[in-house]
Amino acid sequence: MVVSMAANKAVAGLKKRLEALALAPLLLVVTLGVGWLVWCVLEWPGGRTPSYRVLGLRVVRTADDQPIGLLRSFARSSLCLVLVVPTIVVCCVIGISFVFGASAPDDLFRQPRPAPWDRLTATKVVDDRAPSDLGGPVSHEALDHIDLTGLPPAPQAHTNGHVH
């Protein structure tokens, strides 16, 4: 039986993924490019890039939480490059619509969402350093099991606008 390296790990949130994105060019410059390429080749079989390694992130298969291999990593990276330009265009259009008064959905930044290249390659980014049972989003199934029968009734508003 294969034991998952990412079992019970939290899915990486937007903040961590943006940190990795910002760290990548810095590492590329610091390692003079060649070191970064060698580091990438060494990290790819484990589902990481140099910036993911530094931040404790890993890309795993959705089905079994095992690190992705070289072929899936190459496919994911290629899809990322192909989809980044349309994604930036769509984000600009959405940003302009917000400027003109549209509002974002309530949970837009609260729940981690997979990127399009993660959906197409059946992968996800997990945070190896964050325990999954602390600070993660609460599932609807977990809320269904909360017993509210012992709580006092909510205050009722009267017609004059005062709450008693």
C-alpha atoms as a PDB file:
ATOM      1  CA  MET A   1       0.000   0.000   0.000  1.00  0.00           C
ATOM      2  CA  VAL A   2       1.305   3.454  -0.944  1.00  0.00           C
ATOM      3  CA  VAL A   3       1.156   6.027   1.822  1.00  0.00           C
ATOM      4  CA  SER A   4       0.326   9.504   0.658  1.00  0.00           C
ATOM      5  CA  MET A   5       2.962  12.136   1.370  1.00  0.00           C
ATOM      6  CA  ALA A   6       0.307  14.863   1.296  1.00  0.00           C
ATOM      7  CA  ALA A   7      -2.380  13.054   3.266  1.00  0.00           C
ATOM      8  CA  ASN A   8      -4.437  15.423   5.393  1.00  0.00           C
ATOM      9  CA  LYS A   9      -2.577  18.482   4.103  1.00  0.00           C
ATOM     10  CA  ALA A  10      -4.372  21.749   3.559  1.00  0.00           C
ATOM     11  CA  VAL A  11      -4.903  22.985   0.024  1.00  0.00           C
ATOM     12  CA  ALA A  12      -2.685  25.997  -0.547  1.00  0.00           C
ATOM     13  CA  GLY A  13      -4.539  29.280  -0.504  1.00  0.00           C
ATOM     14  CA  LEU A  14      -4.260  32.243  -2.833  1.00  0.00           C
ATOM     15  CA  LYS A  15      -1.798  34.095  -0.576  1.00  0.00           C
ATOM     16  CA  LYS A  16       0.699  31.205  -0.507  1.00  0.00           C
ATOM     17  CA  ARG A  17       0.455  30.676  -4.266  1.00  0.00           C
ATOM     18  CA  LEU A  18       1.011  34.390  -4.926  1.00  0.00           C
ATOM     19  CA  GLU A  19       4.022  34.312  -2.601  1.00  0.00           C
ATOM     20  CA  ALA A  20       5.460  31.423  -4.637  1.00  0.00           C
ATOM     21  CA  LEU A  21       4.787  33.303  -7.868  1.00  0.00           C
ATOM     22  CA  ALA A  22       6.586  36.400  -6.547  1.00  0.00           C
ATOM     23  CA  LEU A  23       9.475  34.350  -5.158  1.00  0.00           C
ATOM     24  CA  ALA A  24      10.195  32.489  -8.435  1.00  0.00           C
ATOM     25  CA  PRO A  25      11.824  35.428 -10.321  1.00  0.00           C
ATOM     26  CA  LEU A  26      13.891  36.309  -7.254  1.00  0.00           C
ATOM     27  CA  LEU A  27      15.226  32.752  -7.011  1.00  0.00           C
ATOM     28  CA  LEU A  28      15.890  32.744 -10.761  1.00  0.00           C
ATOM     29  CA  VAL A  29      18.074  35.861 -10.420  1.00  0.00           C
ATOM     30  CA  VAL A  30      19.805  34.773  -7.210  1.00  0.00           C
ATOM     31  CA  THR A  31      20.778  31.379  -8.657  1.00  0.00           C
ATOM     32  CA  LEU A  32      21.878  32.969 -11.958  1.00  0.00           C
ATOM     33  CA  GLY A  33      19.340  30.975 -13.964  1.00  0.00           C
ATOM     34  CA  VAL A  34      21.461  27.843 -14.356  1.00  0.00           C
ATOM     35  CA  GLY A  35      21.191  26.943 -10.676  1.00  0.00           C
ATOM     36  CA  TRP A  36      17.452  27.513 -10.853  1.00  0.00           C
ATOM     37  CA  LEU A  37      17.115  25.135 -13.833  1.00  0.00           C
ATOM     38  CA  VAL A  38      19.116  22.412 -12.067  1.00  0.00           C
ATOM     39  CA  TRP A  39      17.096  22.958  -8.897  1.00  0.00           C
ATOM     40  CA  CYS A  40      13.859  22.681 -10.926  1.00  0.00           C
ATOM     41  CA  VAL A  41      14.904  19.376 -12.485  1.00  0.00           C
ATOM     42  CA  LEU A  42      15.754  17.992  -9.037  1.00  0.00           C
ATOM     43  CA  GLU A  43      12.436  19.161  -7.540  1.00  0.00           C
ATOM     44  CA  TRP A  44      10.026  18.234 -10.379  1.00  0.00           C
ATOM     45  CA  PRO A  45       9.727  14.519  -9.538  1.00  0.00           C
ATOM     46  CA  GLY A  46       8.560  15.509  -6.043  1.00  0.00           C
ATOM     47  CA  GLY A  47       5.909  17.889  -7.388  1.00  0.00           C
ATOM     48  CA  ARG A  48       7.768  21.071  -6.536  1.00  0.00           C
ATOM     49  CA  THR A  49       9.523  24.061  -8.004  1.00  0.00           C
ATOM     50  CA  PRO A  50      12.275  25.958  -6.160  1.00  0.00           C
ATOM     51  CA  SER A  51       9.794  28.546  -4.862  1.00  0.00           C
ATOM     52  CA  TYR A  52       7.344  25.811  -3.808  1.00  0.00           C
ATOM     53  CA  ARG A  53      10.201  24.068  -1.937  1.00  0.00           C
ATOM     54  CA  VAL A  54      11.093  27.245  -0.037  1.00  0.00           C
ATOM     55  CA  LEU A  55       7.442  27.858   0.932  1.00  0.00           C
ATOM     56  CA  GLY A  56       6.622  24.220   1.729  1.00  0.00           C
ATOM     57  CA  LEU A  57       4.185  23.728  -1.163  1.00  0.00           C
ATOM     58  CA  ARG A  58       3.778  20.670  -3.384  1.00  0.00           C
ATOM     59  CA  VAL A  59       1.707  19.774  -6.467  1.00  0.00           C
ATOM     60  CA  VAL A  60      -0.061  16.429  -6.071  1.00  0.00           C
ATOM     61  CA  ARG A  61      -2.520  14.316  -8.052  1.00  0.00           C
ATOM     62  CA  THR A  62      -6.111  14.946  -7.025  1.00  0.00           C
ATOM     63  CA  ALA A  63      -7.000  11.243  -7.002  1.00  0.00           C
ATOM     64  CA  ASP A  64      -4.424   9.949  -4.507  1.00  0.00           C
ATOM     65  CA  ASP A  65      -2.417  12.958  -3.210  1.00  0.00           C
ATOM     66  CA  GLN A  66       0.834  11.534  -4.631  1.00  0.00           C
ATOM     67  CA  PRO A  67       3.394  13.956  -6.132  1.00  0.00           C
ATOM     68  CA  ILE A  68       2.988  14.420  -9.866  1.00  0.00           C
ATOM     69  CA  GLY A  69       5.564  12.977 -12.229  1.00  0.00           C
ATOM     70  CA  LEU A  70       7.632  14.702 -14.875  1.00  0.00           C
ATOM     71  CA  LEU A  71       5.106  14.183 -17.704  1.00  0.00           C
ATOM     72  CA  ARG A  72       2.154  15.610 -15.749  1.00  0.00           C
ATOM     73  CA  SER A  73       4.370  18.437 -14.495  1.00  0.00           C
ATOM     74  CA  PHE A  74       5.340  19.307 -18.073  1.00  0.00           C
ATOM     75  CA  ALA A  75       1.666  19.192 -19.173  1.00  0.00           C
ATOM     76  CA  ARG A  76       0.621  21.373 -16.217  1.00  0.00           C
ATOM     77  CA  SER A  77       3.370  23.926 -16.904  1.00  0.00           C
ATOM     78  CA  SER A  78       2.498  24.049 -20.620  1.00  0.00           C
ATOM     79  CA  LEU A  79      -1.194  24.549 -19.867  1.00  0.00           C
ATOM     80  CA  CYS A  80      -0.269  27.231 -17.352  1.00  0.00           C
ATOM     81  CA  LEU A  81       1.659  29.178 -19.990  1.00  0.00           C
ATOM     82  CA  VAL A  82      -1.121  28.761 -22.580  1.00  0.00           C
ATOM     83  CA  LEU A  83      -3.872  29.783 -20.141  1.00  0.00           C
ATOM     84  CA  VAL A  84      -2.125  32.651 -18.337  1.00  0.00           C
ATOM     85  CA  VAL A  85      -2.717  35.199 -21.126  1.00  0.00           C
ATOM     86  CA  PRO A  86      -6.499  34.570 -21.403  1.00  0.00           C
ATOM     87  CA  THR A  87      -6.710  34.483 -17.606  1.00  0.00           C
ATOM     88  CA  ILE A  88      -5.049  37.909 -17.371  1.00  0.00           C
ATOM     89  CA  VAL A  89      -7.443  39.294 -20.013  1.00  0.00           C
ATOM     90  CA  VAL A  90     -10.484  37.926 -18.168  1.00  0.00           C
ATOM     91  CA  CYS A  91      -9.179  39.310 -14.866  1.00  0.00           C
ATOM     92  CA  CYS A  92      -8.762  42.745 -16.457  1.00  0.00           C
ATOM     93  CA  VAL A  93     -12.346  42.660 -17.735  1.00  0.00           C
ATOM     94  CA  ILE A  94     -13.615  41.577 -14.306  1.00  0.00           C
ATOM     95  CA  GLY A  95     -11.491  44.254 -12.622  1.00  0.00           C
ATOM     96  CA  ILE A  96     -12.944  46.917 -14.888  1.00  0.00           C
ATOM     97  CA  SER A  97     -16.463  45.687 -14.096  1.00  0.00           C
ATOM     98  CA  PHE A  98     -15.681  46.040 -10.350  1.00  0.00           C
ATOM     99  CA  VAL A  99     -14.547  49.609 -10.982  1.00  0.00           C
ATOM    100  CA  PHE A 100     -17.933  50.281 -12.568  1.00  0.00           C
ATOM    101  CA  GLY A 101     -19.849  48.914  -9.573  1.00  0.00           C
ATOM    102  CA  ALA A 102     -19.996  45.111  -9.721  1.00  0.00           C
ATOM    103  CA  SER A 103     -19.379  43.224  -6.480  1.00  0.00           C
ATOM    104  CA  ALA A 104     -17.482  39.997  -5.892  1.00  0.00           C
ATOM    105  CA  PRO A 105     -19.143  36.865  -4.488  1.00  0.00           C
ATOM    106  CA  ASP A 106     -18.884  36.648  -0.688  1.00  0.00           C
ATOM    107  CA  ASP A 107     -16.522  33.669  -0.546  1.00  0.00           C
ATOM    108  CA  LEU A 108     -14.320  34.588  -3.522  1.00  0.00           C
ATOM    109  CA  PHE A 109     -11.085  34.770  -1.535  1.00  0.00           C
ATOM    110  CA  ARG A 110     -12.040  32.577   1.453  1.00  0.00           C
ATOM    111  CA  GLN A 111     -12.063  29.176  -0.254  1.00  0.00           C
ATOM    112  CA  PRO A 112      -9.065  27.878  -2.197  1.00  0.00           C
ATOM    113  CA  ARG A 113      -9.937  27.191  -5.814  1.00  0.00           C
ATOM    114  CA  PRO A 114      -7.939  25.160  -8.302  1.00  0.00           C
ATOM    115  CA  ALA A 115      -6.408  26.957 -11.248  1.00  0.00           C
ATOM    116  CA  PRO A 116      -7.598  25.912 -14.734  1.00  0.00           C
ATOM    117  CA  TRP A 117      -4.336  24.034 -15.363  1.00  0.00           C
ATOM    118  CA  ASP A 118      -4.861  22.131 -12.107  1.00  0.00           C
ATOM    119  CA  ARG A 119      -8.364  21.102 -13.198  1.00  0.00           C
ATOM    120  CA  LEU A 120      -7.167  19.971 -16.628  1.00  0.00           C
ATOM    121  CA  THR A 121      -4.274  17.917 -15.235  1.00  0.00           C
ATOM    122  CA  ALA A 122      -6.140  16.594 -12.131  1.00  0.00           C
ATOM    123  CA  THR A 123      -3.658  18.158  -9.717  1.00  0.00           C
ATOM    124  CA  LYS A 124      -3.811  20.401  -6.665  1.00  0.00           C
ATOM    125  CA  VAL A 125      -1.323  22.448  -4.664  1.00  0.00           C
ATOM    126  CA  VAL A 126      -1.092  21.514  -1.003  1.00  0.00           C
ATOM    127  CA  ASP A 127       0.715  23.198   1.861  1.00  0.00           C
ATOM    128  CA  ASP A 128       2.973  20.650   3.568  1.00  0.00           C
ATOM    129  CA  ARG A 129       3.573  22.974   6.498  1.00  0.00           C
ATOM    130  CA  ALA A 130      -0.056  23.799   7.382  1.00  0.00           C
ATOM    131  CA  PRO A 131      -2.125  21.295   9.379  1.00  0.00           C
ATOM    132  CA  SER A 132      -5.434  20.750   7.585  1.00  0.00           C
ATOM    133  CA  ASP A 133      -7.507  20.779  10.746  1.00  0.00           C
ATOM    134  CA  LEU A 134      -6.522  24.340  11.746  1.00  0.00           C
ATOM    135  CA  GLY A 135      -7.971  27.385  10.082  1.00  0.00           C
ATOM    136  CA  GLY A 136      -9.355  25.668   6.991  1.00  0.00           C
ATOM    137  CA  PRO A 137     -12.786  26.253   5.550  1.00  0.00           C
ATOM    138  CA  VAL A 138     -15.651  24.492   7.315  1.00  0.00           C
ATOM    139  CA  SER A 139     -17.567  22.047   5.138  1.00  0.00           C
ATOM    140  CA  HIS A 140     -21.346  22.140   4.905  1.00  0.00           C
ATOM    141  CA  GLU A 141     -21.430  18.540   6.165  1.00  0.00           C
ATOM    142  CA  ALA A 142     -19.671  19.622   9.366  1.00  0.00           C
ATOM    143  CA  LEU A 143     -22.222  22.392   9.903  1.00  0.00           C
ATOM    144  CA  ASP A 144     -25.110  19.925   9.537  1.00  0.00           C
ATOM    145  CA  HIS A 145     -23.964  18.091  12.693  1.00  0.00           C
ATOM    146  CA  ILE A 146     -23.950  21.126  15.013  1.00  0.00           C
ATOM    147  CA  ASP A 147     -26.639  20.898  17.695  1.00  0.00           C
ATOM    148  CA  LEU A 148     -28.400  24.257  18.110  1.00  0.00           C
ATOM    149  CA  THR A 149     -31.299  23.033  20.266  1.00  0.00           C
ATOM    150  CA  GLY A 150     -29.864  24.310  23.584  1.00  0.00           C
ATOM    151  CA  LEU A 151     -29.306  27.913  22.437  1.00  0.00           C
ATOM    152  CA  PRO A 152     -31.607  30.716  23.602  1.00  0.00           C
ATOM    153  CA  PRO A 153     -33.946  32.166  20.972  1.00  0.00           C
ATOM    154  CA  ALA A 154     -32.741  35.114  18.911  1.00  0.00           C
ATOM    155  CA  PRO A 155     -34.050  38.551  19.981  1.00  0.00           C
ATOM    156  CA  GLN A 156     -37.183  39.633  18.145  1.00  0.00           C
ATOM    157  CA  ALA A 157     -37.477  43.043  16.531  1.00  0.00           C
ATOM    158  CA  HIS A 158     -40.614  45.038  17.368  1.00  0.00           C
ATOM    159  CA  THR A 159     -42.483  47.358  15.056  1.00  0.00           C
ATOM    160  CA  ASN A 160     -40.978  50.503  16.598  1.00  0.00           C
ATOM    161  CA  GLY A 161     -37.479  49.370  15.510  1.00  0.00           C
ATOM    162  CA  HIS A 162     -36.198  48.509  19.012  1.00  0.00           C
ATOM    163  CA  VAL A 163     -34.782  45.106  19.860  1.00  0.00           C
ATOM    164  CA  HIS A 164     -35.620  43.624  23.281  1.00  0.00           C
END
